[in-house]
Amino acid sequence: MKAPLTMPSFRLNAVLLACALGAPMVWAQTPAAPASAASAPAAPTIRAELRTLLLETQTLLTDKKFPQAREKVQLANAVADKTPYENYIVARIALSIAIADDDAPSAHKLLEQVLELNAKGAWLTTEETLPLMHAVGITHYRTKDYAQSANWMDRNIKAGGTDPAVKNVRIQAYLLGGNLQRGSDLINEEIAASEQAKKAPAQNHLEMLAQARNNLKDAAGYTRALEMLVQYYPSKDSWRLLINRLWSRSDLASRLQLDVFRLAFYNGTPEEATDYSEYVDFAQKGGFSGEALNAYDQGVTAGLLGSTDAHKKLRAKLVQENELDRKNLAADTAAAQKKPDGFALFNIGLNLVGMKQFDKGLELMEKGIAKGLPRRPEEARLRLGVAYAQAGQADKAVQTLATVSGPEGLTELARYWTLAARKP
């Protein structure tokens, strides 16, 4: 099932309404030009009878008495032998009424009329027509005519408009109108422009992109949008969604699942008792007693573990295993140093990191890698980078993780841990 697209609502505020009304209009009749200026072109004028009607119309519009204002417009339309400029002014006032009253069909028709008249009279500059297009587009948006809203925003931009508000409405109109691909393409254009300017993309753009790509069943596009969200606007919700993408991978190696749990807990995403109990289970089976005990205690703090006899027995066992590892640490380390490779030494260090003994743990992990590992050295470097991050050494974490890549989710884990290490 597609997720419903949720967008902010729009109100035609006073500034936008002023734009709709505010392009120059000449109300008073122009006095006779002096003789020295007799050859200059005369400014457009409005006859007194029409001027009176339209001033009354504008007063009614200001008072939001739209039916009465429309009646005045009808009377103005009935005035015979109007000049093109007078027709233009009447259409402008009628347009303002339609916009203020959310009458999208009339606003559409009237703006077309205004633009057609203006093409001959040139009473409005291009810059002055842009707010009118924006206002009519907003009117269509508010009446849920998203296709026409997008159309007017497109026309605004093609006419030279650069207002970010216009671009935002256009994007949302396309998305809400069901053209998810076009909306996504426009968002990607905005993201590219932001990144080129070395600015963070707008958060709402990234959220809309993620939603649109998910509804289009574009897994790669959805994941990319989530990655940008955690990069620029990290939150528990966005991290949870991104980590769930890892869990959903059919090719995720089982040996990397504990690393996914570490990522989830580092970013504070666990919500349910099973999140804690499964992490405890994976860490315990991996031989990392300190990490398992810490995960269990976090579950207790969250109020999700510790309430049953089975929980209490589990914690007693974890405490016993942890104490045994601490007791045998010196002997195990000495034995590991005599081995031909650094695998055992590395794992002892990783266990110490899980016990929050970062300095000693990192030292042994580094020595283990330097001594050489018989298999999967990339995964060892991933865990070293993770340990640096957990120890608060972000620069070392990022530097180490940059050397990690591989299949079955390894590249993604390294990239996500890099984002996590860099978070504020």
Protein backbone atom coordinates (compact mmCIF):
# COMPACT_ATOMS: atom_id res chain seq x y z
CA MET A 1 0.00 0.00 0.00
CA LYS A 2 1.33 3.41 -0.86
CA ALA A 3 1.98 5.76 2.02
CA PRO A 4 -0.19 8.88 1.76
CA LEU A 5 1.75 11.98 0.82
CA THR A 6 1.53 14.60 3.55
CA MET A 7 2.26 18.19 2.61
CA PRO A 8 1.97 21.53 4.40
CA SER A 9 -1.15 23.58 3.78
CA PHE A 10 -1.02 27.05 2.28
CA ARG A 11 -2.86 30.21 3.11
CA LEU A 12 -3.03 33.21 0.84
CA ASN A 13 -1.46 35.67 3.26
CA ALA A 14 -1.68 39.42 3.19
CA VAL A 15 1.60 39.78 1.32
CA LEU A 16 0.51 37.49 -1.49
CA LEU A 17 -2.88 39.17 -1.73
CA ALA A 18 -1.13 42.52 -1.90
CA CYS A 19 0.92 41.16 -4.80
CA ALA A 20 -2.28 40.16 -6.56
CA LEU A 21 -3.73 43.63 -6.08
CA GLY A 22 -0.65 45.73 -6.06
CA ALA A 23 0.63 46.10 -9.64
CA PRO A 24 0.21 49.68 -10.80
CA MET A 25 -3.32 50.85 -11.64
CA VAL A 26 -4.16 54.39 -12.74
CA TRP A 27 -7.45 55.41 -11.13
CA ALA A 28 -7.65 59.17 -11.67
CA GLN A 29 -8.03 60.78 -15.00
CA THR A 30 -4.75 62.19 -16.22
CA PRO A 31 -4.66 66.02 -16.44
CA ALA A 32 -3.96 67.63 -19.75
CA ALA A 33 -0.29 67.54 -20.66
CA PRO A 34 1.57 70.85 -20.91
CA ALA A 35 2.34 72.08 -24.37
CA SER A 36 5.99 71.08 -24.06
CA ALA A 37 4.94 67.47 -23.52
CA ALA A 38 2.13 67.37 -26.06
CA SER A 39 4.01 64.90 -28.21
CA ALA A 40 4.57 62.41 -25.33
CA PRO A 41 2.31 59.34 -25.21
CA ALA A 42 -0.64 59.75 -22.85
CA ALA A 43 -0.87 57.56 -19.74
CA PRO A 44 -3.86 55.19 -19.70
CA THR A 45 -6.91 56.50 -17.88
CA ILE A 46 -10.24 55.31 -16.52
CA ARG A 47 -13.50 57.18 -16.94
CA ALA A 48 -15.05 58.65 -13.82
CA GLU A 49 -18.17 56.42 -13.83
CA LEU A 50 -16.07 53.28 -14.11
CA ARG A 51 -13.55 54.53 -11.61
CA THR A 52 -16.31 55.05 -9.02
CA LEU A 53 -17.62 51.50 -9.53
CA LEU A 54 -14.19 49.95 -9.20
CA LEU A 55 -13.23 51.92 -6.11
CA GLU A 56 -16.48 50.70 -4.51
CA THR A 57 -15.55 47.17 -5.62
CA GLN A 58 -12.16 47.41 -4.00
CA THR A 59 -13.70 48.57 -0.73
CA LEU A 60 -16.05 45.58 -0.75
CA LEU A 61 -13.12 43.28 -1.52
CA THR A 62 -11.16 44.70 1.40
CA ASP A 63 -14.17 43.99 3.62
CA LYS A 64 -14.38 40.44 2.18
CA LYS A 65 -17.87 41.05 0.85
CA PHE A 66 -17.25 38.95 -2.22
CA PRO A 67 -20.81 38.56 -3.61
CA GLN A 68 -21.38 42.31 -3.47
CA ALA A 69 -17.96 42.92 -5.01
CA ARG A 70 -18.84 40.60 -7.89
CA GLU A 71 -22.06 42.52 -8.49
CA LYS A 72 -20.04 45.70 -8.88
CA VAL A 73 -17.75 43.94 -11.35
CA GLN A 74 -20.80 42.91 -13.38
CA LEU A 75 -21.88 46.52 -13.51
CA ALA A 76 -18.39 47.54 -14.60
CA ASN A 77 -18.42 44.90 -17.32
CA ALA A 78 -21.72 46.33 -18.54
CA VAL A 79 -20.25 49.79 -19.12
CA ALA A 80 -20.19 50.32 -22.88
CA ASP A 81 -17.23 51.12 -25.08
CA LYS A 82 -14.52 50.37 -22.56
CA THR A 83 -10.94 50.92 -23.65
CA PRO A 84 -8.47 47.99 -23.53
CA TYR A 85 -6.95 49.48 -20.37
CA GLU A 86 -10.34 49.75 -18.72
CA ASN A 87 -11.05 46.11 -19.60
CA TYR A 88 -7.68 45.23 -18.13
CA ILE A 89 -8.41 47.05 -14.84
CA VAL A 90 -11.83 45.42 -14.53
CA ALA A 91 -10.26 42.01 -15.11
CA ARG A 92 -7.58 42.77 -12.51
CA ILE A 93 -10.14 43.62 -9.86
CA ALA A 94 -12.21 40.54 -10.76
CA LEU A 95 -9.05 38.43 -10.52
CA SER A 96 -8.31 39.77 -7.05
CA ILE A 97 -11.81 38.82 -5.92
CA ALA A 98 -11.45 35.29 -7.33
CA ILE A 99 -8.10 34.81 -5.62
CA ALA A 100 -9.32 36.12 -2.27
CA ASP A 101 -12.42 33.91 -2.44
CA ASP A 102 -10.55 30.74 -3.51
CA ASP A 103 -12.46 30.67 -6.80
CA ALA A 104 -9.78 28.80 -8.74
CA PRO A 105 -11.63 28.34 -12.08
CA SER A 106 -12.46 32.04 -12.27
CA ALA A 107 -8.96 33.03 -11.18
CA HIS A 108 -7.50 30.86 -13.92
CA LYS A 109 -9.76 32.36 -16.61
CA LEU A 110 -9.25 35.93 -15.42
CA LEU A 111 -5.47 35.72 -15.24
CA GLU A 112 -5.41 34.39 -18.78
CA GLN A 113 -7.54 37.42 -19.75
CA VAL A 114 -5.23 39.81 -17.89
CA LEU A 115 -2.15 38.36 -19.55
CA GLU A 116 -3.77 38.52 -22.97
CA LEU A 117 -4.76 42.18 -22.51
CA ASN A 118 -1.37 43.00 -21.05
CA ALA A 119 0.38 41.44 -24.04
CA LYS A 120 -1.05 44.29 -26.12
CA GLY A 121 -0.92 47.11 -23.59
CA ALA A 122 2.23 46.19 -21.63
CA TRP A 123 0.86 47.72 -18.40
CA LEU A 124 2.54 45.02 -16.31
CA THR A 125 6.21 44.09 -16.41
CA THR A 126 7.20 40.42 -16.36
CA GLU A 127 8.25 40.80 -12.73
CA GLU A 128 4.79 42.11 -11.88
CA THR A 129 3.03 39.16 -13.51
CA LEU A 130 4.95 36.58 -11.46
CA PRO A 131 3.09 37.18 -8.16
CA LEU A 132 -0.21 36.90 -10.04
CA MET A 133 0.77 33.48 -11.39
CA HIS A 134 1.89 32.46 -7.92
CA ALA A 135 -1.40 33.62 -6.37
CA VAL A 136 -3.53 31.76 -8.90
CA GLY A 137 -1.38 28.65 -8.47
CA ILE A 138 -1.91 28.80 -4.71
CA THR A 139 -5.65 29.19 -5.25
CA HIS A 140 -5.70 26.00 -7.33
CA TYR A 141 -3.57 24.25 -4.69
CA ARG A 142 -5.93 25.18 -1.89
CA THR A 143 -8.89 23.83 -3.87
CA LYS A 144 -6.92 20.61 -4.53
CA ASP A 145 -6.63 21.21 -8.27
CA TYR A 146 -3.00 20.17 -8.17
CA ALA A 147 -2.51 19.80 -11.92
CA GLN A 148 -3.45 23.44 -12.55
CA SER A 149 -1.47 24.56 -9.51
CA ALA A 150 1.64 22.90 -10.93
CA ASN A 151 0.85 24.41 -14.34
CA TRP A 152 0.81 27.97 -12.99
CA MET A 153 3.96 27.43 -10.97
CA ASP A 154 5.65 26.07 -14.10
CA ARG A 155 4.55 29.15 -16.01
CA ASN A 156 5.90 31.38 -13.26
CA ILE A 157 9.32 29.74 -13.41
CA LYS A 158 9.41 29.69 -17.21
CA ALA A 159 8.66 33.42 -17.12
CA GLY A 160 11.76 33.97 -15.02
CA GLY A 161 10.49 33.35 -11.50
CA THR A 162 13.04 32.23 -8.93
CA ASP A 163 11.02 32.43 -5.71
CA PRO A 164 11.73 29.32 -3.58
CA ALA A 165 8.11 29.40 -2.38
CA VAL A 166 6.93 28.92 -5.96
CA LYS A 167 9.29 25.99 -6.43
CA ASN A 168 8.09 24.38 -3.21
CA VAL A 169 4.43 24.65 -4.17
CA ARG A 170 5.20 23.28 -7.63
CA ILE A 171 6.94 20.23 -6.14
CA GLN A 172 4.11 19.53 -3.73
CA ALA A 173 1.46 20.05 -6.40
CA TYR A 174 3.11 17.45 -8.61
CA LEU A 175 3.44 14.98 -5.74
CA LEU A 176 -0.11 15.43 -4.48
CA GLY A 177 -1.39 15.30 -8.04
CA GLY A 178 0.12 11.82 -8.38
CA ASN A 179 3.08 12.68 -10.61
CA LEU A 180 5.63 11.31 -8.16
CA GLN A 181 8.37 11.00 -10.76
CA ARG A 182 8.17 14.64 -11.83
CA GLY A 183 8.00 15.78 -8.22
CA SER A 184 11.04 13.66 -7.37
CA ASP A 185 12.98 15.03 -10.33
CA LEU A 186 12.29 18.59 -9.21
CA ILE A 187 13.37 17.78 -5.65
CA ASN A 188 16.59 16.26 -6.97
CA GLU A 189 17.25 19.47 -8.89
CA GLU A 190 16.87 21.47 -5.68
CA ILE A 191 19.12 19.05 -3.78
CA ALA A 192 21.80 19.26 -6.46
CA ALA A 193 21.66 23.06 -6.37
CA SER A 194 21.99 23.07 -2.57
CA GLU A 195 24.94 20.70 -2.61
CA GLN A 196 26.65 22.68 -5.35
CA ALA A 197 26.26 25.77 -3.17
CA LYS A 198 27.65 23.73 -0.26
CA LYS A 199 24.41 24.07 1.66
CA ALA A 200 22.30 21.43 3.33
CA PRO A 201 19.25 20.44 1.25
CA ALA A 202 15.94 21.47 2.79
CA GLN A 203 14.68 18.89 5.26
CA ASN A 204 11.16 18.89 3.83
CA HIS A 205 12.59 18.17 0.37
CA LEU A 206 14.43 15.11 1.67
CA GLU A 207 11.36 13.89 3.55
CA MET A 208 9.14 14.30 0.49
CA LEU A 209 11.72 12.59 -1.71
CA ALA A 210 11.92 9.60 0.63
CA GLN A 211 8.14 9.29 0.71
CA ALA A 212 7.80 9.60 -3.05
CA ARG A 213 10.54 7.08 -3.87
CA ASN A 214 9.09 4.64 -1.34
CA ASN A 215 5.64 4.95 -2.94
CA LEU A 216 7.25 4.37 -6.35
CA LYS A 217 8.85 1.20 -4.91
CA ASP A 218 12.29 2.59 -5.79
CA ALA A 219 14.36 0.95 -3.05
CA ALA A 220 17.62 2.58 -4.11
CA GLY A 221 16.08 6.04 -4.34
CA TYR A 222 14.31 5.63 -1.01
CA THR A 223 17.52 4.50 0.69
CA ARG A 224 19.47 7.40 -0.79
CA ALA A 225 16.92 9.89 0.55
CA LEU A 226 17.09 8.31 4.00
CA GLU A 227 20.88 8.46 3.91
CA MET A 228 20.73 12.19 3.19
CA LEU A 229 18.23 12.67 6.01
CA VAL A 230 20.53 11.07 8.57
CA GLN A 231 23.47 12.97 7.10
CA TYR A 232 21.91 16.42 7.33
CA TYR A 233 19.04 16.03 9.82
CA PRO A 234 19.75 12.97 11.98
CA SER A 235 16.89 11.79 14.14
CA LYS A 236 15.88 8.53 15.75
CA ASP A 237 13.06 8.10 13.24
CA SER A 238 15.24 8.56 10.16
CA TRP A 239 17.94 6.32 11.59
CA ARG A 240 15.37 3.67 12.40
CA LEU A 241 14.06 3.71 8.83
CA LEU A 242 17.56 3.51 7.38
CA ILE A 243 18.64 0.68 9.66
CA ASN A 244 15.47 -1.20 8.77
CA ARG A 245 16.64 -0.97 5.15
CA LEU A 246 19.75 -2.88 6.22
CA TRP A 247 17.73 -5.51 8.02
CA SER A 248 15.53 -5.98 4.94
CA ARG A 249 18.49 -6.80 2.69
CA SER A 250 18.30 -10.39 1.53
CA ASP A 251 22.09 -10.51 1.17
CA LEU A 252 22.97 -9.17 4.62
CA ALA A 253 25.61 -11.51 6.04
CA SER A 254 24.64 -13.13 9.35
CA ARG A 255 28.11 -12.35 10.71
CA LEU A 256 27.37 -8.63 10.26
CA GLN A 257 24.07 -8.65 12.13
CA LEU A 258 25.72 -7.84 15.46
CA ASP A 259 27.28 -4.81 13.76
CA VAL A 260 23.80 -3.68 12.72
CA PHE A 261 22.62 -3.96 16.33
CA ARG A 262 25.58 -1.83 17.41
CA LEU A 263 24.63 0.81 14.86
CA ALA A 264 21.01 0.81 16.02
CA PHE A 265 21.91 1.18 19.68
CA TYR A 266 24.53 3.84 18.99
CA ASN A 267 21.80 5.95 17.36
CA GLY A 268 19.19 5.25 20.01
CA THR A 269 16.64 3.54 17.78
CA PRO A 270 15.52 0.50 19.86
CA GLU A 271 11.84 0.62 20.80
CA GLU A 272 10.75 -2.88 21.81
CA ALA A 273 11.91 -5.50 24.30
CA THR A 274 12.95 -7.79 21.44
CA ASP A 275 15.38 -5.13 20.19
CA TYR A 276 17.27 -5.46 23.47
CA SER A 277 16.90 -9.19 23.99
CA GLU A 278 18.07 -10.02 20.46
CA TYR A 279 21.09 -7.72 20.81
CA VAL A 280 21.93 -9.41 24.11
CA ASP A 281 21.64 -12.81 22.45
CA PHE A 282 23.86 -11.92 19.49
CA ALA A 283 26.54 -10.33 21.70
CA GLN A 284 26.50 -13.22 24.16
CA LYS A 285 26.84 -15.83 21.41
CA GLY A 286 29.65 -13.81 19.88
CA GLY A 287 31.59 -14.04 23.13
CA PHE A 288 31.27 -10.37 24.06
CA SER A 289 30.04 -10.62 27.65
CA GLY A 290 30.54 -6.96 28.51
CA GLU A 291 28.59 -5.81 25.48
CA ALA A 292 25.77 -8.26 26.23
CA LEU A 293 25.55 -7.10 29.84
CA ASN A 294 25.51 -3.44 28.83
CA ALA A 295 22.73 -4.10 26.29
CA TYR A 296 20.71 -5.92 28.95
CA ASP A 297 21.09 -3.07 31.43
CA GLN A 298 19.99 -0.56 28.78
CA GLY A 299 16.85 -2.64 28.36
CA VAL A 300 16.24 -2.48 32.10
CA THR A 301 16.73 1.30 32.09
CA ALA A 302 14.21 1.54 29.24
CA GLY A 303 11.72 -0.45 31.32
CA LEU A 304 11.61 -3.29 28.80
CA LEU A 305 13.72 -5.99 30.50
CA GLY A 306 14.23 -7.25 34.05
CA SER A 307 10.66 -7.85 35.12
CA THR A 308 10.56 -11.66 34.84
CA ASP A 309 12.41 -14.52 36.51
CA ALA A 310 13.86 -15.50 33.12
CA HIS A 311 15.26 -12.00 32.73
CA LYS A 312 16.84 -12.12 36.18
CA LYS A 313 18.43 -15.50 35.46
CA LEU A 314 19.77 -14.16 32.18
CA ARG A 315 21.37 -11.19 33.87
CA ALA A 316 22.96 -13.40 36.52
CA LYS A 317 24.49 -15.50 33.77
CA LEU A 318 25.74 -12.42 31.93
CA VAL A 319 27.34 -11.08 35.11
CA GLN A 320 29.03 -14.42 35.69
CA GLU A 321 30.39 -14.55 32.13
CA ASN A 322 31.59 -10.96 32.37
CA GLU A 323 33.39 -11.60 35.68
CA LEU A 324 35.03 -14.69 34.22
CA ASP A 325 36.30 -12.77 31.20
CA ARG A 326 37.74 -10.08 33.47
CA LYS A 327 39.39 -12.70 35.67
CA ASN A 328 40.98 -14.49 32.71
CA LEU A 329 41.94 -11.30 30.84
CA ALA A 330 45.65 -11.36 31.58
CA ALA A 331 46.06 -15.05 30.79
CA ASP A 332 43.95 -14.84 27.64
CA THR A 333 45.90 -11.81 26.43
CA ALA A 334 49.24 -13.54 27.03
CA ALA A 335 48.05 -16.61 25.13
CA ALA A 336 46.73 -14.50 22.27
CA GLN A 337 50.06 -12.70 21.89
CA LYS A 338 51.75 -16.06 21.29
CA LYS A 339 49.44 -17.00 18.43
CA PRO A 340 50.66 -16.65 14.83
CA ASP A 341 47.95 -14.12 13.91
CA GLY A 342 46.10 -11.32 15.64
CA PHE A 343 42.57 -12.72 15.55
CA ALA A 344 42.33 -13.66 19.25
CA LEU A 345 44.05 -10.47 20.34
CA PHE A 346 41.61 -8.41 18.28
CA ASN A 347 38.57 -10.13 19.81
CA ILE A 348 39.83 -9.65 23.36
CA GLY A 349 40.19 -5.95 22.58
CA LEU A 350 36.68 -5.85 21.11
CA ASN A 351 35.30 -7.47 24.25
CA LEU A 352 37.04 -4.85 26.38
CA VAL A 353 35.47 -2.10 24.29
CA GLY A 354 32.10 -3.67 25.10
CA MET A 355 33.05 -3.38 28.78
CA LYS A 356 33.74 0.35 28.19
CA GLN A 357 37.49 -0.18 28.69
CA PHE A 358 38.21 1.79 25.53
CA ASP A 359 41.91 2.58 25.90
CA LYS A 360 43.04 -0.99 26.55
CA GLY A 361 40.50 -2.44 24.14
CA LEU A 362 41.52 -0.19 21.24
CA GLU A 363 45.17 -0.91 21.90
CA LEU A 364 44.63 -4.67 21.60
CA MET A 365 42.43 -4.29 18.51
CA GLU A 366 45.10 -2.20 16.80
CA LYS A 367 47.79 -4.72 17.73
CA GLY A 368 45.65 -7.58 16.46
CA ILE A 369 45.19 -5.93 13.05
CA ALA A 370 48.89 -5.04 12.86
CA LYS A 371 49.82 -8.65 13.61
CA GLY A 372 47.64 -9.82 10.75
CA LEU A 373 44.27 -11.49 10.46
CA PRO A 374 43.65 -14.81 8.70
CA ARG A 375 40.35 -13.75 7.13
CA ARG A 376 38.04 -10.79 6.52
CA PRO A 377 40.38 -7.95 7.54
CA GLU A 378 37.84 -5.43 6.16
CA GLU A 379 35.31 -6.49 8.79
CA ALA A 380 37.95 -6.08 11.50
CA ARG A 381 38.62 -2.54 10.29
CA LEU A 382 34.89 -1.86 10.38
CA ARG A 383 34.76 -2.92 14.03
CA LEU A 384 37.85 -0.89 14.85
CA GLY A 385 36.19 2.15 13.29
CA VAL A 386 33.04 1.43 15.31
CA ALA A 387 35.10 1.14 18.50
CA TYR A 388 36.73 4.51 17.80
CA ALA A 389 33.27 6.02 17.37
CA GLN A 390 32.01 4.45 20.60
CA ALA A 391 35.09 5.82 22.38
CA GLY A 392 34.33 9.32 21.11
CA GLN A 393 37.26 9.42 18.68
CA ALA A 394 35.27 10.53 15.63
CA ASP A 395 38.22 11.54 13.43
CA LYS A 396 39.92 8.17 13.83
CA ALA A 397 36.61 6.43 13.26
CA VAL A 398 35.98 8.25 9.98
CA GLN A 399 39.55 7.70 8.80
CA THR A 400 39.38 3.97 9.51
CA LEU A 401 35.90 3.46 8.06
CA ALA A 402 37.03 5.10 4.82
CA THR A 403 39.19 2.01 4.19
CA VAL A 404 36.25 -0.39 4.48
CA SER A 405 34.14 -1.75 1.64
CA GLY A 406 32.70 -5.06 0.64
CA PRO A 407 29.59 -7.10 -0.19
CA GLU A 408 26.72 -8.35 1.94
CA GLY A 409 26.07 -5.00 3.63
CA LEU A 410 29.66 -4.17 4.60
CA THR A 411 29.94 -1.05 2.42
CA GLU A 412 26.65 0.28 3.74
CA LEU A 413 27.61 -0.38 7.36
CA ALA A 414 30.86 1.52 6.90
CA ARG A 415 29.03 4.43 5.26
CA TYR A 416 26.32 4.57 7.94
CA TRP A 417 28.82 4.36 10.76
CA THR A 418 30.69 7.24 9.14
CA LEU A 419 27.48 9.28 9.19
CA ALA A 420 26.85 8.27 12.79
CA ALA A 421 30.37 9.19 13.88
CA ARG A 422 30.02 12.64 12.30
CA LYS A 423 26.64 13.45 13.84
CA PRO A 424 26.44 16.49 16.13
